[in-house]
Amino acid sequence: MNIDDVVLNFTPGSMIALNVVLGFIMFGIALDTAPSDFKAVLKAPKAMILALVAQIVLLPAVTFGLTLLLNVQASIALGMILVACCPPGNISQVLTYRARGNVALSVSMTAVANVIYIFLLPVSVVFWGSLHPTARDIVTTVSLDGWEMLLEIFLIIGLPFFAGLAIRAKWPRFAGRVQPYARWISLAALVGFIVIALVGNWTIFMAYIGIVLVAVFLHDAVALGLGYASARIGGLPSRERKALTFEVGIRNAGLGLGLVFAFFGGIGGMAIVAGWWGIWDIIAGLTLATVWARVTKRADAARAASLDGDASAVAGTADGSGASA
């Protein structure tokens, strides 16, 4: 059977649970966001501008080209486009920290981007989906309503996000205690939910996973590479490059999965792409962050040893000069 004709099994109760998990994720991000994070962007806007251009313009455009290059089925192509148009995921901050990057910058970029994506996501999906030679048929068939999607996105990510900001502003100490637990619980809940959804549709998943594995692997690598290249070309220092890499490379695929069932009827290719992306994105991100941290640690150790050696040499020269005198 064509994957474009496959519909995954997803109950209304499961949809409610997914929306609650996604809302809790956004709530956790907001608890870790202070007004100063938004002000910091105004003081040093270069990284934010690079991040927004890479996410809003370059990533969807490159994804569009990748779907044509891979010649994947329409639902897989639209699933890739949808993920590319989703906001950054909050695990980007965890990965930036693990990679020894600029966490404060990561928090600031994620906060600003998520506010923008509340309004931008529906426009981007409709725009890029309607341009695609095969995916446009799906967009037309489901009669995608941008305003309805905007309302759905606001309820899922906007309302919890602004509620978290309000709590953080009024009770910062409480927010600081709760936020670490909210972050990890929500992440574990999302991964668990995606795994359960895939297991519940295991036959369909296994039938098409080969195509999706290749598409998601390449797409995720392109997203991470695009983030790094944007920061490198923009002349950002090492710690900022790491933050921008994960900001662009890590997408909120869980939100994408929710939108697949809310607006696209659970079409197989879209759902499998969004579900597998949510798992693979974490695996690839953790691998990159771990390798990056080790490389940075070795470089720092080598630099410190070099400085100690230079200091010893200078001290030895000074002692020798003194003895000669």
C-alpha atoms as a PDB file:
ATOM      1  CA  MET A   1       0.000   0.000   0.000  1.00  0.00           C
ATOM      2  CA  ASN A   2       1.146   3.549  -0.740  1.00  0.00           C
ATOM      3  CA  ILE A   3       2.238   5.301   2.435  1.00  0.00           C
ATOM      4  CA  ASP A   4       0.231   8.349   1.355  1.00  0.00           C
ATOM      5  CA  ASP A   5      -2.938   6.252   1.771  1.00  0.00           C
ATOM      6  CA  VAL A   6      -2.013   4.867   5.197  1.00  0.00           C
ATOM      7  CA  VAL A   7      -3.623   6.356   8.301  1.00  0.00           C
ATOM      8  CA  LEU A   8      -2.090   5.683  11.715  1.00  0.00           C
ATOM      9  CA  ASN A   9      -4.221   4.544  14.631  1.00  0.00           C
ATOM     10  CA  PHE A  10      -4.511   7.402  17.106  1.00  0.00           C
ATOM     11  CA  THR A  11      -7.450   7.773  19.524  1.00  0.00           C
ATOM     12  CA  PRO A  12      -8.980  11.117  20.608  1.00  0.00           C
ATOM     13  CA  GLY A  13      -7.743  10.393  24.134  1.00  0.00           C
ATOM     14  CA  SER A  14      -4.220  10.012  22.834  1.00  0.00           C
ATOM     15  CA  MET A  15      -4.502  13.384  21.079  1.00  0.00           C
ATOM     16  CA  ILE A  16      -5.522  15.071  24.323  1.00  0.00           C
ATOM     17  CA  ALA A  17      -2.590  13.427  26.130  1.00  0.00           C
ATOM     18  CA  LEU A  18      -0.165  14.589  23.413  1.00  0.00           C
ATOM     19  CA  ASN A  19      -1.441  18.165  23.602  1.00  0.00           C
ATOM     20  CA  VAL A  20      -1.043  18.136  27.388  1.00  0.00           C
ATOM     21  CA  VAL A  21       2.550  16.896  27.047  1.00  0.00           C
ATOM     22  CA  LEU A  22       3.367  19.555  24.427  1.00  0.00           C
ATOM     23  CA  GLY A  23       1.793  22.271  26.572  1.00  0.00           C
ATOM     24  CA  PHE A  24       3.827  21.107  29.565  1.00  0.00           C
ATOM     25  CA  ILE A  25       7.012  21.271  27.461  1.00  0.00           C
ATOM     26  CA  MET A  26       6.295  24.890  26.516  1.00  0.00           C
ATOM     27  CA  PHE A  27       5.415  25.670  30.134  1.00  0.00           C
ATOM     28  CA  GLY A  28       8.801  24.284  31.211  1.00  0.00           C
ATOM     29  CA  ILE A  29      10.636  26.382  28.615  1.00  0.00           C
ATOM     30  CA  ALA A  30       8.867  29.514  29.851  1.00  0.00           C
ATOM     31  CA  LEU A  31       9.765  28.774  33.485  1.00  0.00           C
ATOM     32  CA  ASP A  32      13.402  28.975  32.407  1.00  0.00           C
ATOM     33  CA  THR A  33      12.864  32.245  30.524  1.00  0.00           C
ATOM     34  CA  ALA A  34      13.357  35.642  32.164  1.00  0.00           C
ATOM     35  CA  PRO A  35      12.598  39.111  30.724  1.00  0.00           C
ATOM     36  CA  SER A  36      16.362  39.623  30.571  1.00  0.00           C
ATOM     37  CA  ASP A  37      16.575  36.829  27.976  1.00  0.00           C
ATOM     38  CA  PHE A  38      14.596  38.946  25.533  1.00  0.00           C
ATOM     39  CA  LYS A  39      16.615  42.056  26.397  1.00  0.00           C
ATOM     40  CA  ALA A  40      19.869  40.164  25.836  1.00  0.00           C
ATOM     41  CA  VAL A  41      18.890  39.620  22.216  1.00  0.00           C
ATOM     42  CA  LEU A  42      18.540  43.381  21.696  1.00  0.00           C
ATOM     43  CA  LYS A  43      22.021  43.968  23.107  1.00  0.00           C
ATOM     44  CA  ALA A  44      23.656  41.319  20.889  1.00  0.00           C
ATOM     45  CA  PRO A  45      21.263  40.739  17.968  1.00  0.00           C
ATOM     46  CA  LYS A  46      23.705  39.151  15.513  1.00  0.00           C
ATOM     47  CA  ALA A  47      23.305  35.570  16.749  1.00  0.00           C
ATOM     48  CA  MET A  48      19.523  35.933  16.949  1.00  0.00           C
ATOM     49  CA  ILE A  49      19.291  37.283  13.404  1.00  0.00           C
ATOM     50  CA  LEU A  50      21.433  34.418  12.106  1.00  0.00           C
ATOM     51  CA  ALA A  51      19.312  31.884  13.985  1.00  0.00           C
ATOM     52  CA  LEU A  52      16.016  33.286  12.713  1.00  0.00           C
ATOM     53  CA  VAL A  53      17.178  33.493   9.100  1.00  0.00           C
ATOM     54  CA  ALA A  54      18.524  29.928   9.265  1.00  0.00           C
ATOM     55  CA  GLN A  55      15.314  28.564  10.816  1.00  0.00           C
ATOM     56  CA  ILE A  56      12.623  30.575   9.092  1.00  0.00           C
ATOM     57  CA  VAL A  57      14.089  30.920   5.588  1.00  0.00           C
ATOM     58  CA  LEU A  58      16.987  28.539   4.962  1.00  0.00           C
ATOM     59  CA  LEU A  59      15.847  25.342   6.717  1.00  0.00           C
ATOM     60  CA  PRO A  60      12.405  25.116   5.020  1.00  0.00           C
ATOM     61  CA  ALA A  61      13.955  26.043   1.660  1.00  0.00           C
ATOM     62  CA  VAL A  62      16.746  23.459   1.964  1.00  0.00           C
ATOM     63  CA  THR A  63      14.211  20.881   3.190  1.00  0.00           C
ATOM     64  CA  PHE A  64      12.045  21.601   0.162  1.00  0.00           C
ATOM     65  CA  GLY A  65      15.021  20.926  -2.111  1.00  0.00           C
ATOM     66  CA  LEU A  66      15.953  17.777  -0.165  1.00  0.00           C
ATOM     67  CA  THR A  67      12.474  16.283  -0.635  1.00  0.00           C
ATOM     68  CA  LEU A  68      12.805  16.836  -4.399  1.00  0.00           C
ATOM     69  CA  LEU A  69      16.315  15.367  -4.434  1.00  0.00           C
ATOM     70  CA  LEU A  70      15.257  12.247  -2.505  1.00  0.00           C
ATOM     71  CA  ASN A  71      12.042  11.993  -4.548  1.00  0.00           C
ATOM     72  CA  VAL A  72      10.101  10.751  -1.513  1.00  0.00           C
ATOM     73  CA  GLN A  73       6.345  10.203  -1.458  1.00  0.00           C
ATOM     74  CA  ALA A  74       4.084  13.201  -0.954  1.00  0.00           C
ATOM     75  CA  SER A  75       3.218  12.520   2.704  1.00  0.00           C
ATOM     76  CA  ILE A  76       6.877  11.997   3.647  1.00  0.00           C
ATOM     77  CA  ALA A  77       7.814  15.219   1.855  1.00  0.00           C
ATOM     78  CA  LEU A  78       5.091  17.172   3.659  1.00  0.00           C
ATOM     79  CA  GLY A  79       6.124  15.605   6.968  1.00  0.00           C
ATOM     80  CA  MET A  80       9.694  16.821   6.434  1.00  0.00           C
ATOM     81  CA  ILE A  81       8.420  20.291   5.518  1.00  0.00           C
ATOM     82  CA  LEU A  82       6.198  20.370   8.603  1.00  0.00           C
ATOM     83  CA  VAL A  83       9.075  19.440  10.926  1.00  0.00           C
ATOM     84  CA  ALA A  84      11.303  22.092   9.307  1.00  0.00           C
ATOM     85  CA  CYS A  85       8.602  24.698   9.942  1.00  0.00           C
ATOM     86  CA  CYS A  86       8.213  23.745  13.640  1.00  0.00           C
ATOM     87  CA  PRO A  87       9.809  25.847  16.415  1.00  0.00           C
ATOM     88  CA  PRO A  88      13.050  24.771  18.125  1.00  0.00           C
ATOM     89  CA  GLY A  89      12.802  22.154  20.862  1.00  0.00           C
ATOM     90  CA  ASN A  90      13.736  22.872  24.471  1.00  0.00           C
ATOM     91  CA  ILE A  91      16.308  20.058  24.517  1.00  0.00           C
ATOM     92  CA  SER A  92      18.528  22.388  22.479  1.00  0.00           C
ATOM     93  CA  GLN A  93      19.458  24.073  25.753  1.00  0.00           C
ATOM     94  CA  VAL A  94      20.382  20.758  27.373  1.00  0.00           C
ATOM     95  CA  LEU A  95      22.527  19.810  24.393  1.00  0.00           C
ATOM     96  CA  THR A  96      24.189  23.238  24.298  1.00  0.00           C
ATOM     97  CA  TYR A  97      25.092  22.845  27.972  1.00  0.00           C
ATOM     98  CA  ARG A  98      26.445  19.332  27.405  1.00  0.00           C
ATOM     99  CA  ALA A  99      28.529  20.549  24.455  1.00  0.00           C
ATOM    100  CA  ARG A 100      29.938  23.412  26.569  1.00  0.00           C
ATOM    101  CA  GLY A 101      28.207  26.031  24.479  1.00  0.00           C
ATOM    102  CA  ASN A 102      26.587  29.346  25.375  1.00  0.00           C
ATOM    103  CA  VAL A 103      23.492  28.235  27.326  1.00  0.00           C
ATOM    104  CA  ALA A 104      22.279  31.788  28.046  1.00  0.00           C
ATOM    105  CA  LEU A 105      22.239  32.502  24.314  1.00  0.00           C
ATOM    106  CA  SER A 106      20.426  29.221  23.653  1.00  0.00           C
ATOM    107  CA  VAL A 107      17.717  30.094  26.187  1.00  0.00           C
ATOM    108  CA  SER A 108      17.311  33.565  24.663  1.00  0.00           C
ATOM    109  CA  MET A 109      17.079  32.276  21.101  1.00  0.00           C
ATOM    110  CA  THR A 110      14.571  29.557  21.999  1.00  0.00           C
ATOM    111  CA  ALA A 111      12.379  32.018  23.913  1.00  0.00           C
ATOM    112  CA  VAL A 112      12.237  34.546  21.090  1.00  0.00           C
ATOM    113  CA  ALA A 113      11.832  31.937  18.361  1.00  0.00           C
ATOM    114  CA  ASN A 114       8.930  30.186  20.097  1.00  0.00           C
ATOM    115  CA  VAL A 115       6.995  33.440  20.390  1.00  0.00           C
ATOM    116  CA  ILE A 116       7.526  34.130  16.678  1.00  0.00           C
ATOM    117  CA  TYR A 117       6.608  30.582  15.635  1.00  0.00           C
ATOM    118  CA  ILE A 118       3.199  30.818  17.298  1.00  0.00           C
ATOM    119  CA  PHE A 119       2.210  33.062  14.387  1.00  0.00           C
ATOM    120  CA  LEU A 120       4.698  31.911  11.756  1.00  0.00           C
ATOM    121  CA  LEU A 121       4.212  28.132  11.776  1.00  0.00           C
ATOM    122  CA  PRO A 122       0.823  27.997   9.987  1.00  0.00           C
ATOM    123  CA  VAL A 123       2.012  30.455   7.325  1.00  0.00           C
ATOM    124  CA  SER A 124       5.212  28.504   6.668  1.00  0.00           C
ATOM    125  CA  VAL A 125       3.495  25.121   6.393  1.00  0.00           C
ATOM    126  CA  VAL A 126       0.845  26.425   3.997  1.00  0.00           C
ATOM    127  CA  PHE A 127       3.422  28.339   1.911  1.00  0.00           C
ATOM    128  CA  TRP A 128       5.994  25.571   1.446  1.00  0.00           C
ATOM    129  CA  GLY A 129       3.425  22.779   1.289  1.00  0.00           C
ATOM    130  CA  SER A 130       1.454  24.564  -1.437  1.00  0.00           C
ATOM    131  CA  LEU A 131       4.621  25.060  -3.502  1.00  0.00           C
ATOM    132  CA  HIS A 132       5.586  21.379  -3.464  1.00  0.00           C
ATOM    133  CA  PRO A 133       4.679  19.523  -6.700  1.00  0.00           C
ATOM    134  CA  THR A 134       3.267  16.451  -4.913  1.00  0.00           C
ATOM    135  CA  ALA A 135       2.657  17.538  -1.293  1.00  0.00           C
ATOM    136  CA  ARG A 136       0.377  20.357  -2.468  1.00  0.00           C
ATOM    137  CA  ASP A 137      -2.274  17.742  -3.229  1.00  0.00           C
ATOM    138  CA  ILE A 138      -2.433  16.813   0.457  1.00  0.00           C
ATOM    139  CA  VAL A 139      -2.596  20.461   1.533  1.00  0.00           C
ATOM    140  CA  THR A 140      -5.463  21.016  -0.915  1.00  0.00           C
ATOM    141  CA  THR A 141      -7.272  17.807   0.069  1.00  0.00           C
ATOM    142  CA  VAL A 142      -7.325  18.585   3.800  1.00  0.00           C
ATOM    143  CA  SER A 143      -8.377  22.202   3.119  1.00  0.00           C
ATOM    144  CA  LEU A 144      -5.802  23.464   5.567  1.00  0.00           C
ATOM    145  CA  ASP A 145      -7.115  26.486   7.471  1.00  0.00           C
ATOM    146  CA  GLY A 146      -4.237  28.731   8.585  1.00  0.00           C
ATOM    147  CA  TRP A 147      -6.356  30.554  11.165  1.00  0.00           C
ATOM    148  CA  GLU A 148      -7.608  27.331  12.703  1.00  0.00           C
ATOM    149  CA  MET A 149      -4.043  26.038  12.899  1.00  0.00           C
ATOM    150  CA  LEU A 150      -2.944  29.335  14.478  1.00  0.00           C
ATOM    151  CA  LEU A 151      -5.603  28.932  17.163  1.00  0.00           C
ATOM    152  CA  GLU A 152      -4.563  25.317  17.790  1.00  0.00           C
ATOM    153  CA  ILE A 153      -0.898  26.296  18.064  1.00  0.00           C
ATOM    154  CA  PHE A 154      -1.703  29.158  20.401  1.00  0.00           C
ATOM    155  CA  LEU A 155      -3.658  26.851  22.696  1.00  0.00           C
ATOM    156  CA  ILE A 156      -0.969  24.150  22.642  1.00  0.00           C
ATOM    157  CA  ILE A 157       2.213  26.223  22.881  1.00  0.00           C
ATOM    158  CA  GLY A 158       1.260  29.895  23.209  1.00  0.00           C
ATOM    159  CA  LEU A 159      -1.008  29.755  26.248  1.00  0.00           C
ATOM    160  CA  PRO A 160       1.269  27.476  28.338  1.00  0.00           C
ATOM    161  CA  PHE A 161       4.293  29.537  27.302  1.00  0.00           C
ATOM    162  CA  PHE A 162       2.796  32.859  28.385  1.00  0.00           C
ATOM    163  CA  ALA A 163       1.478  31.256  31.587  1.00  0.00           C
ATOM    164  CA  GLY A 164       4.993  30.046  32.389  1.00  0.00           C
ATOM    165  CA  LEU A 165       6.417  33.509  31.711  1.00  0.00           C
ATOM    166  CA  ALA A 166       3.881  35.040  34.102  1.00  0.00           C
ATOM    167  CA  ILE A 167       4.717  32.547  36.865  1.00  0.00           C
ATOM    168  CA  ARG A 168       8.453  33.072  36.324  1.00  0.00           C
ATOM    169  CA  ALA A 169       7.988  36.860  36.586  1.00  0.00           C
ATOM    170  CA  LYS A 170       5.844  36.700  39.742  1.00  0.00           C
ATOM    171  CA  TRP A 171       7.428  33.752  41.578  1.00  0.00           C
ATOM    172  CA  PRO A 172      10.988  33.387  40.219  1.00  0.00           C
ATOM    173  CA  ARG A 173      12.253  31.222  43.094  1.00  0.00           C
ATOM    174  CA  PHE A 174       9.370  28.772  42.711  1.00  0.00           C
ATOM    175  CA  ALA A 175       9.935  28.658  38.944  1.00  0.00           C
ATOM    176  CA  GLY A 176      13.637  27.987  39.472  1.00  0.00           C
ATOM    177  CA  ARG A 177      12.890  24.984  41.699  1.00  0.00           C
ATOM    178  CA  VAL A 178      10.222  23.507  39.437  1.00  0.00           C
ATOM    179  CA  GLN A 179      11.832  24.106  36.027  1.00  0.00           C
ATOM    180  CA  PRO A 180      14.498  21.330  36.072  1.00  0.00           C
ATOM    181  CA  TYR A 181      11.858  18.718  36.915  1.00  0.00           C
ATOM    182  CA  ALA A 182       9.427  20.117  34.329  1.00  0.00           C
ATOM    183  CA  ARG A 183      12.089  19.935  31.616  1.00  0.00           C
ATOM    184  CA  TRP A 184      13.071  16.305  32.152  1.00  0.00           C
ATOM    185  CA  ILE A 185       9.589  15.000  32.951  1.00  0.00           C
ATOM    186  CA  SER A 186       8.135  16.617  29.830  1.00  0.00           C
ATOM    187  CA  LEU A 187      10.983  15.305  27.665  1.00  0.00           C
ATOM    188  CA  ALA A 188      10.588  11.771  29.055  1.00  0.00           C
ATOM    189  CA  ALA A 189       6.814  11.969  28.566  1.00  0.00           C
ATOM    190  CA  LEU A 190       7.200  13.088  24.953  1.00  0.00           C
ATOM    191  CA  VAL A 191       9.705  10.357  24.079  1.00  0.00           C
ATOM    192  CA  GLY A 192       7.533   7.783  25.826  1.00  0.00           C
ATOM    193  CA  PHE A 193       4.473   8.980  23.977  1.00  0.00           C
ATOM    194  CA  ILE A 194       6.199   8.789  20.588  1.00  0.00           C
ATOM    195  CA  VAL A 195       7.507   5.288  21.344  1.00  0.00           C
ATOM    196  CA  ILE A 196       4.021   4.113  22.375  1.00  0.00           C
ATOM    197  CA  ALA A 197       2.520   5.650  19.221  1.00  0.00           C
ATOM    198  CA  LEU A 198       5.090   3.881  17.035  1.00  0.00           C
ATOM    199  CA  VAL A 199       4.646   0.555  18.828  1.00  0.00           C
ATOM    200  CA  GLY A 200       0.874   0.861  18.449  1.00  0.00           C
ATOM    201  CA  ASN A 201       1.368   1.162  14.697  1.00  0.00           C
ATOM    202  CA  TRP A 202       4.347  -1.189  14.506  1.00  0.00           C
ATOM    203  CA  THR A 203       3.322  -3.037  11.349  1.00  0.00           C
ATOM    204  CA  ILE A 204       2.962   0.196   9.389  1.00  0.00           C
ATOM    205  CA  PHE A 205       6.108   1.625  10.943  1.00  0.00           C
ATOM    206  CA  MET A 206       8.240  -1.390   9.970  1.00  0.00           C
ATOM    207  CA  ALA A 207       6.802  -1.465   6.461  1.00  0.00           C
ATOM    208  CA  TYR A 208       8.015   2.043   5.658  1.00  0.00           C
ATOM    209  CA  ILE A 209      10.808   2.716   8.158  1.00  0.00           C
ATOM    210  CA  GLY A 210      13.576   2.146   5.593  1.00  0.00           C
ATOM    211  CA  ILE A 211      12.541   5.144   3.522  1.00  0.00           C
ATOM    212  CA  VAL A 212      11.872   7.296   6.577  1.00  0.00           C
ATOM    213  CA  LEU A 213      15.179   6.358   8.253  1.00  0.00           C
ATOM    214  CA  VAL A 214      17.173   7.675   5.311  1.00  0.00           C
ATOM    215  CA  ALA A 215      15.045  10.799   4.916  1.00  0.00           C
ATOM    216  CA  VAL A 216      15.129  11.731   8.615  1.00  0.00           C
ATOM    217  CA  PHE A 217      18.845  10.931   8.980  1.00  0.00           C
ATOM    218  CA  LEU A 218      19.768  13.212   6.083  1.00  0.00           C
ATOM    219  CA  HIS A 219      17.259  15.887   7.049  1.00  0.00           C
ATOM    220  CA  ASP A 220      18.474  16.038  10.654  1.00  0.00           C
ATOM    221  CA  ALA A 221      22.118  16.151   9.553  1.00  0.00           C
ATOM    222  CA  VAL A 222      21.311  18.973   7.141  1.00  0.00           C
ATOM    223  CA  ALA A 223      19.508  20.934   9.884  1.00  0.00           C
ATOM    224  CA  LEU A 224      22.421  20.622  12.330  1.00  0.00           C
ATOM    225  CA  GLY A 225      24.937  21.410   9.575  1.00  0.00           C
ATOM    226  CA  LEU A 226      22.943  24.445   8.499  1.00  0.00           C
ATOM    227  CA  GLY A 227      22.969  25.803  12.037  1.00  0.00           C
ATOM    228  CA  TYR A 228      26.720  25.357  12.324  1.00  0.00           C
ATOM    229  CA  ALA A 229      27.419  26.789   8.853  1.00  0.00           C
ATOM    230  CA  SER A 230      25.264  29.854   9.552  1.00  0.00           C
ATOM    231  CA  ALA A 231      27.160  30.550  12.770  1.00  0.00           C
ATOM    232  CA  ARG A 232      30.544  29.912  11.139  1.00  0.00           C
ATOM    233  CA  ILE A 233      29.830  32.160   8.155  1.00  0.00           C
ATOM    234  CA  GLY A 234      28.447  34.784  10.544  1.00  0.00           C
ATOM    235  CA  GLY A 235      31.767  34.797  12.416  1.00  0.00           C
ATOM    236  CA  LEU A 236      30.396  33.684  15.799  1.00  0.00           C
ATOM    237  CA  PRO A 237      32.821  32.300  18.420  1.00  0.00           C
ATOM    238  CA  SER A 238      32.921  28.592  19.293  1.00  0.00           C
ATOM    239  CA  ARG A 239      30.455  28.618  22.213  1.00  0.00           C
ATOM    240  CA  GLU A 240      27.921  30.614  20.203  1.00  0.00           C
ATOM    241  CA  ARG A 241      28.346  28.290  17.201  1.00  0.00           C
ATOM    242  CA  LYS A 242      27.346  25.355  19.381  1.00  0.00           C
ATOM    243  CA  ALA A 243      24.226  27.153  20.622  1.00  0.00           C
ATOM    244  CA  LEU A 244      23.178  28.093  17.084  1.00  0.00           C
ATOM    245  CA  THR A 245      23.824  24.576  15.771  1.00  0.00           C
ATOM    246  CA  PHE A 246      21.362  23.037  18.211  1.00  0.00           C
ATOM    247  CA  GLU A 247      18.903  25.925  17.936  1.00  0.00           C
ATOM    248  CA  VAL A 248      18.492  25.251  14.214  1.00  0.00           C
ATOM    249  CA  GLY A 249      19.022  21.481  14.265  1.00  0.00           C
ATOM    250  CA  ILE A 250      16.633  20.585  17.107  1.00  0.00           C
ATOM    251  CA  ARG A 251      12.963  20.940  16.112  1.00  0.00           C
ATOM    252  CA  ASN A 252       9.796  20.441  18.157  1.00  0.00           C
ATOM    253  CA  ALA A 253       8.739  17.333  16.216  1.00  0.00           C
ATOM    254  CA  GLY A 254       6.250  16.459  18.956  1.00  0.00           C
ATOM    255  CA  LEU A 255       4.246  19.542  18.030  1.00  0.00           C
ATOM    256  CA  GLY A 256       4.487  18.467  14.407  1.00  0.00           C
ATOM    257  CA  LEU A 257       3.097  15.039  15.322  1.00  0.00           C
ATOM    258  CA  GLY A 258       0.171  16.674  17.090  1.00  0.00           C
ATOM    259  CA  LEU A 259      -0.577  18.826  14.049  1.00  0.00           C
ATOM    260  CA  VAL A 260      -0.450  15.765  11.775  1.00  0.00           C
ATOM    261  CA  PHE A 261      -3.372  14.222  13.661  1.00  0.00           C
ATOM    262  CA  ALA A 262      -5.202  17.504  14.263  1.00  0.00           C
ATOM    263  CA  PHE A 263      -5.159  18.744  10.658  1.00  0.00           C
ATOM    264  CA  PHE A 264      -3.921  15.981   8.345  1.00  0.00           C
ATOM    265  CA  GLY A 265      -5.925  13.003   9.587  1.00  0.00           C
ATOM    266  CA  GLY A 266      -2.889  11.037  10.765  1.00  0.00           C
ATOM    267  CA  ILE A 267      -1.500  10.459   7.262  1.00  0.00           C
ATOM    268  CA  GLY A 268       1.123   7.708   7.516  1.00  0.00           C
ATOM    269  CA  GLY A 269       4.178   9.376   5.965  1.00  0.00           C
ATOM    270  CA  MET A 270       3.778  12.610   7.910  1.00  0.00           C
ATOM    271  CA  ALA A 271       3.157  10.852  11.226  1.00  0.00           C
ATOM    272  CA  ILE A 272       6.064   8.426  10.890  1.00  0.00           C
ATOM    273  CA  VAL A 273       8.466  11.220   9.881  1.00  0.00           C
ATOM    274  CA  ALA A 274       7.439  13.440  12.818  1.00  0.00           C
ATOM    275  CA  GLY A 275       7.460  10.522  15.276  1.00  0.00           C
ATOM    276  CA  TRP A 276      10.837   9.129  14.239  1.00  0.00           C
ATOM    277  CA  TRP A 277      12.361  12.617  13.999  1.00  0.00           C
ATOM    278  CA  GLY A 278      11.424  13.222  17.662  1.00  0.00           C
ATOM    279  CA  ILE A 279      13.497  10.180  18.670  1.00  0.00           C
ATOM    280  CA  TRP A 280      16.387  10.433  16.210  1.00  0.00           C
ATOM    281  CA  ASP A 281      16.828  14.163  16.834  1.00  0.00           C
ATOM    282  CA  ILE A 282      17.621  13.448  20.484  1.00  0.00           C
ATOM    283  CA  ILE A 283      19.982  10.572  19.644  1.00  0.00           C
ATOM    284  CA  ALA A 284      21.898  12.586  17.031  1.00  0.00           C
ATOM    285  CA  GLY A 285      21.946  15.699  19.215  1.00  0.00           C
ATOM    286  CA  LEU A 286      23.275  13.868  22.269  1.00  0.00           C
ATOM    287  CA  THR A 287      25.936  12.147  20.172  1.00  0.00           C
ATOM    288  CA  LEU A 288      27.116  15.425  18.660  1.00  0.00           C
ATOM    289  CA  ALA A 289      27.044  17.238  22.018  1.00  0.00           C
ATOM    290  CA  THR A 290      29.053  14.470  23.721  1.00  0.00           C
ATOM    291  CA  VAL A 291      31.703  14.380  20.980  1.00  0.00           C
ATOM    292  CA  TRP A 292      31.873  18.174  20.944  1.00  0.00           C
ATOM    293  CA  ALA A 293      32.316  18.309  24.718  1.00  0.00           C
ATOM    294  CA  ARG A 294      35.196  15.790  24.610  1.00  0.00           C
ATOM    295  CA  VAL A 295      36.945  17.634  21.787  1.00  0.00           C
ATOM    296  CA  THR A 296      36.574  20.934  23.647  1.00  0.00           C
ATOM    297  CA  LYS A 297      37.861  19.365  26.874  1.00  0.00           C
ATOM    298  CA  ARG A 298      40.959  18.010  25.131  1.00  0.00           C
ATOM    299  CA  ALA A 299      41.587  21.334  23.396  1.00  0.00           C
ATOM    300  CA  ASP A 300      41.267  23.199  26.703  1.00  0.00           C
ATOM    301  CA  ALA A 301      43.656  20.744  28.380  1.00  0.00           C
ATOM    302  CA  ALA A 302      46.196  21.089  25.553  1.00  0.00           C
ATOM    303  CA  ARG A 303      45.909  24.875  25.696  1.00  0.00           C
ATOM    304  CA  ALA A 304      46.399  24.868  29.470  1.00  0.00           C
ATOM    305  CA  ALA A 305      49.451  22.583  29.168  1.00  0.00           C
ATOM    306  CA  SER A 306      50.901  24.873  26.512  1.00  0.00           C
ATOM    307  CA  LEU A 307      50.420  27.930  28.710  1.00  0.00           C
ATOM    308  CA  ASP A 308      52.015  26.119  31.671  1.00  0.00           C
ATOM    309  CA  GLY A 309      54.955  25.143  29.467  1.00  0.00           C
ATOM    310  CA  ASP A 310      55.396  28.721  28.253  1.00  0.00           C
ATOM    311  CA  ALA A 311      55.214  30.010  31.815  1.00  0.00           C
ATOM    312  CA  SER A 312      57.831  27.497  32.967  1.00  0.00           C
ATOM    313  CA  ALA A 313      60.101  28.431  30.084  1.00  0.00           C
ATOM    314  CA  VAL A 314      59.806  32.120  30.916  1.00  0.00           C
ATOM    315  CA  ALA A 315      60.484  31.400  34.556  1.00  0.00           C
ATOM    316  CA  GLY A 316      63.511  29.269  33.656  1.00  0.00           C
ATOM    317  CA  THR A 317      64.888  32.003  31.401  1.00  0.00           C
ATOM    318  CA  ALA A 318      64.460  34.550  34.118  1.00  0.00           C
ATOM    319  CA  ASP A 319      66.279  32.330  36.632  1.00  0.00           C
ATOM    320  CA  GLY A 320      69.102  31.734  34.173  1.00  0.00           C
ATOM    321  CA  SER A 321      69.470  35.442  33.468  1.00  0.00           C
ATOM    322  CA  GLY A 322      69.565  36.139  37.143  1.00  0.00           C
ATOM    323  CA  ALA A 323      72.250  33.531  37.723  1.00  0.00           C
ATOM    324  CA  SER A 324      74.371  34.902  34.907  1.00  0.00           C
ATOM    325  CA  ALA A 325      74.121  38.373  36.331  1.00  0.00           C
END
